[in-house]
Amino acid sequence: MKQLVIFVTTLDMENVAAIADVFDGAKAASDDYHVEIILTGESGIIATVQAAENGLDVKLMCSIYESMRSAKSSGVKINICERSIEWCNLNNGLIPEIDGIVSSQYIMERSTPDTYVVYL
């Protein structure tokens, strides 16, 4: 089965539907691809318990986390880049929906001829 890697670099926190669509789209694609979402840059904020502490709306975050859980139930892997953790100063714990922390090297290795890569 082909690979699909979705790199999420920025998020419009005003548009919950667009954020949820990333995870819903990944879930839909999981029927035909091994799907992995990698949160990079400022998008990493949604991967931590720090999101609510930083003033993000709790209802908004619950909606996003529900979409993440739904994607994971279909086999989608969700990772965060270690640079995102450093860049966003994310020192608190990761939410349970995150499979792991990946390095910049890992990200570079994901771009292979048999992998479809999408940057959002």
C-alpha atoms as a PDB file:
ATOM      1  CA  MET A   1       0.000   0.000   0.000  1.00  0.00           C
ATOM      2  CA  LYS A   2       1.243   3.489  -0.847  1.00  0.00           C
ATOM      3  CA  GLN A   3       2.220   6.007   1.809  1.00  0.00           C
ATOM      4  CA  LEU A   4       0.605   9.426   2.312  1.00  0.00           C
ATOM      5  CA  VAL A   5       2.376  11.871   4.598  1.00  0.00           C
ATOM      6  CA  ILE A   6       0.608  15.097   5.494  1.00  0.00           C
ATOM      7  CA  PHE A   7       2.786  17.849   6.941  1.00  0.00           C
ATOM      8  CA  VAL A   8       0.717  20.409   8.834  1.00  0.00           C
ATOM      9  CA  THR A   9       2.795  23.556   9.334  1.00  0.00           C
ATOM     10  CA  THR A  10       0.296  26.252  10.301  1.00  0.00           C
ATOM     11  CA  LEU A  11      -3.242  26.335  11.578  1.00  0.00           C
ATOM     12  CA  ASP A  12      -5.994  28.909  11.403  1.00  0.00           C
ATOM     13  CA  MET A  13      -7.356  28.466  14.910  1.00  0.00           C
ATOM     14  CA  GLU A  14     -10.362  30.573  13.909  1.00  0.00           C
ATOM     15  CA  ASN A  15     -11.425  27.864  11.444  1.00  0.00           C
ATOM     16  CA  VAL A  16     -12.125  24.690  13.399  1.00  0.00           C
ATOM     17  CA  ALA A  17     -13.730  22.993  10.413  1.00  0.00           C
ATOM     18  CA  ALA A  18     -10.549  23.344   8.337  1.00  0.00           C
ATOM     19  CA  ILE A  19      -8.434  21.831  11.106  1.00  0.00           C
ATOM     20  CA  ALA A  20     -10.854  18.940  11.592  1.00  0.00           C
ATOM     21  CA  ASP A  21     -10.930  18.439   7.797  1.00  0.00           C
ATOM     22  CA  VAL A  22      -7.214  17.589   7.840  1.00  0.00           C
ATOM     23  CA  PHE A  23      -7.845  14.668  10.184  1.00  0.00           C
ATOM     24  CA  ASP A  24     -11.139  13.685   8.530  1.00  0.00           C
ATOM     25  CA  GLY A  25      -9.440  13.684   5.119  1.00  0.00           C
ATOM     26  CA  ALA A  26      -6.615  11.568   6.490  1.00  0.00           C
ATOM     27  CA  LYS A  27      -9.161   9.088   7.830  1.00  0.00           C
ATOM     28  CA  ALA A  28     -10.859   8.889   4.427  1.00  0.00           C
ATOM     29  CA  ALA A  29      -7.512   8.349   2.688  1.00  0.00           C
ATOM     30  CA  SER A  30      -6.580   5.533   5.068  1.00  0.00           C
ATOM     31  CA  ASP A  31      -8.675   3.123   3.019  1.00  0.00           C
ATOM     32  CA  ASP A  32      -6.141   3.407   0.193  1.00  0.00           C
ATOM     33  CA  TYR A  33      -2.931   4.602   1.893  1.00  0.00           C
ATOM     34  CA  HIS A  34      -0.852   4.229   5.006  1.00  0.00           C
ATOM     35  CA  VAL A  35      -1.417   7.755   6.326  1.00  0.00           C
ATOM     36  CA  GLU A  36       0.793   9.735   8.661  1.00  0.00           C
ATOM     37  CA  ILE A  37       0.215  13.297   9.831  1.00  0.00           C
ATOM     38  CA  ILE A  38       3.223  15.226  11.095  1.00  0.00           C
ATOM     39  CA  LEU A  39       2.542  18.420  13.025  1.00  0.00           C
ATOM     40  CA  THR A  40       5.326  20.941  12.447  1.00  0.00           C
ATOM     41  CA  GLY A  41       5.849  24.617  13.158  1.00  0.00           C
ATOM     42  CA  GLU A  42       3.065  26.357  15.039  1.00  0.00           C
ATOM     43  CA  SER A  43       0.604  23.519  14.406  1.00  0.00           C
ATOM     44  CA  GLY A  44       2.327  21.625  17.221  1.00  0.00           C
ATOM     45  CA  ILE A  45       0.387  23.602  19.785  1.00  0.00           C
ATOM     46  CA  ILE A  46      -2.648  21.338  19.322  1.00  0.00           C
ATOM     47  CA  ALA A  47      -0.557  18.306  20.273  1.00  0.00           C
ATOM     48  CA  THR A  48      -0.042  19.357  23.854  1.00  0.00           C
ATOM     49  CA  VAL A  49      -2.020  19.809  27.024  1.00  0.00           C
ATOM     50  CA  GLN A  50      -0.599  23.324  26.934  1.00  0.00           C
ATOM     51  CA  ALA A  51      -3.152  24.344  24.267  1.00  0.00           C
ATOM     52  CA  ALA A  52      -5.912  25.115  26.769  1.00  0.00           C
ATOM     53  CA  GLU A  53      -3.431  26.816  29.078  1.00  0.00           C
ATOM     54  CA  ASN A  54      -2.449  29.116  26.207  1.00  0.00           C
ATOM     55  CA  GLY A  55      -6.012  30.380  25.922  1.00  0.00           C
ATOM     56  CA  LEU A  56      -7.294  28.199  23.088  1.00  0.00           C
ATOM     57  CA  ASP A  57     -11.005  27.571  23.390  1.00  0.00           C
ATOM     58  CA  VAL A  58     -11.742  24.277  25.148  1.00  0.00           C
ATOM     59  CA  LYS A  59     -14.752  23.467  22.919  1.00  0.00           C
ATOM     60  CA  LEU A  60     -12.617  24.129  19.852  1.00  0.00           C
ATOM     61  CA  MET A  61      -9.907  21.806  21.114  1.00  0.00           C
ATOM     62  CA  CYS A  62     -12.435  19.061  21.962  1.00  0.00           C
ATOM     63  CA  SER A  63     -13.719  19.154  18.389  1.00  0.00           C
ATOM     64  CA  ILE A  64     -10.187  18.879  17.007  1.00  0.00           C
ATOM     65  CA  TYR A  65      -9.266  16.066  19.394  1.00  0.00           C
ATOM     66  CA  GLU A  66     -12.402  14.136  18.395  1.00  0.00           C
ATOM     67  CA  SER A  67     -11.331  14.359  14.731  1.00  0.00           C
ATOM     68  CA  MET A  68      -7.846  13.214  15.720  1.00  0.00           C
ATOM     69  CA  ARG A  69      -9.221  10.203  17.622  1.00  0.00           C
ATOM     70  CA  SER A  70     -11.447   9.295  14.687  1.00  0.00           C
ATOM     71  CA  ALA A  71      -8.470   9.398  12.298  1.00  0.00           C
ATOM     72  CA  LYS A  72      -6.378   7.287  14.660  1.00  0.00           C
ATOM     73  CA  SER A  73      -9.160   4.696  14.884  1.00  0.00           C
ATOM     74  CA  SER A  74      -8.680   4.216  11.125  1.00  0.00           C
ATOM     75  CA  GLY A  75      -4.958   3.627  11.485  1.00  0.00           C
ATOM     76  CA  VAL A  76      -3.689   7.167  10.841  1.00  0.00           C
ATOM     77  CA  LYS A  77      -0.450   7.915  12.697  1.00  0.00           C
ATOM     78  CA  ILE A  78      -0.100  11.390  14.207  1.00  0.00           C
ATOM     79  CA  ASN A  79       3.356  12.642  15.130  1.00  0.00           C
ATOM     80  CA  ILE A  80       4.881  15.951  16.150  1.00  0.00           C
ATOM     81  CA  CYS A  81       8.241  17.272  15.005  1.00  0.00           C
ATOM     82  CA  GLU A  82      10.777  17.839  17.771  1.00  0.00           C
ATOM     83  CA  ARG A  83      11.553  21.265  16.288  1.00  0.00           C
ATOM     84  CA  SER A  84       7.915  22.244  16.737  1.00  0.00           C
ATOM     85  CA  ILE A  85       8.189  21.423  20.421  1.00  0.00           C
ATOM     86  CA  GLU A  86      11.291  23.607  20.685  1.00  0.00           C
ATOM     87  CA  TRP A  87       9.958  26.417  18.489  1.00  0.00           C
ATOM     88  CA  CYS A  88       6.607  26.683  20.276  1.00  0.00           C
ATOM     89  CA  ASN A  89       8.183  26.212  23.697  1.00  0.00           C
ATOM     90  CA  LEU A  90       5.951  23.203  24.338  1.00  0.00           C
ATOM     91  CA  ASN A  91       7.295  21.802  27.562  1.00  0.00           C
ATOM     92  CA  ASN A  92       4.105  20.216  28.855  1.00  0.00           C
ATOM     93  CA  GLY A  93       3.012  16.699  28.025  1.00  0.00           C
ATOM     94  CA  LEU A  94       1.650  15.546  24.715  1.00  0.00           C
ATOM     95  CA  ILE A  95      -1.975  14.537  24.363  1.00  0.00           C
ATOM     96  CA  PRO A  96      -2.637  10.776  24.091  1.00  0.00           C
ATOM     97  CA  GLU A  97      -3.575  11.096  20.390  1.00  0.00           C
ATOM     98  CA  ILE A  98       0.074  11.756  19.491  1.00  0.00           C
ATOM     99  CA  ASP A  99       2.002   8.633  18.496  1.00  0.00           C
ATOM    100  CA  GLY A 100       5.452  10.120  18.883  1.00  0.00           C
ATOM    101  CA  ILE A 101       8.033  12.825  18.410  1.00  0.00           C
ATOM    102  CA  VAL A 102       9.965  12.741  15.150  1.00  0.00           C
ATOM    103  CA  SER A 103      13.210  14.395  14.114  1.00  0.00           C
ATOM    104  CA  SER A 104      13.929  16.610  11.132  1.00  0.00           C
ATOM    105  CA  GLN A 105      15.918  13.710   9.678  1.00  0.00           C
ATOM    106  CA  TYR A 106      12.861  11.464   9.945  1.00  0.00           C
ATOM    107  CA  ILE A 107      10.840  14.057   8.031  1.00  0.00           C
ATOM    108  CA  MET A 108      13.423  14.196   5.249  1.00  0.00           C
ATOM    109  CA  GLU A 109      13.424  10.406   5.005  1.00  0.00           C
ATOM    110  CA  ARG A 110       9.627  10.334   4.543  1.00  0.00           C
ATOM    111  CA  SER A 111       9.917  12.015   1.129  1.00  0.00           C
ATOM    112  CA  THR A 112      10.578   8.946  -0.996  1.00  0.00           C
ATOM    113  CA  PRO A 113       9.385   8.035  -4.507  1.00  0.00           C
ATOM    114  CA  ASP A 114       6.693   5.693  -3.146  1.00  0.00           C
ATOM    115  CA  THR A 115       5.273   8.302  -0.786  1.00  0.00           C
ATOM    116  CA  TYR A 116       2.785  11.043  -1.572  1.00  0.00           C
ATOM    117  CA  VAL A 117       3.605  14.156   0.447  1.00  0.00           C
ATOM    118  CA  VAL A 118       1.182  16.981   1.169  1.00  0.00           C
ATOM    119  CA  TYR A 119       2.143  20.246   2.887  1.00  0.00           C
ATOM    120  CA  LEU A 120      -0.619  22.253   4.562  1.00  0.00           C
END
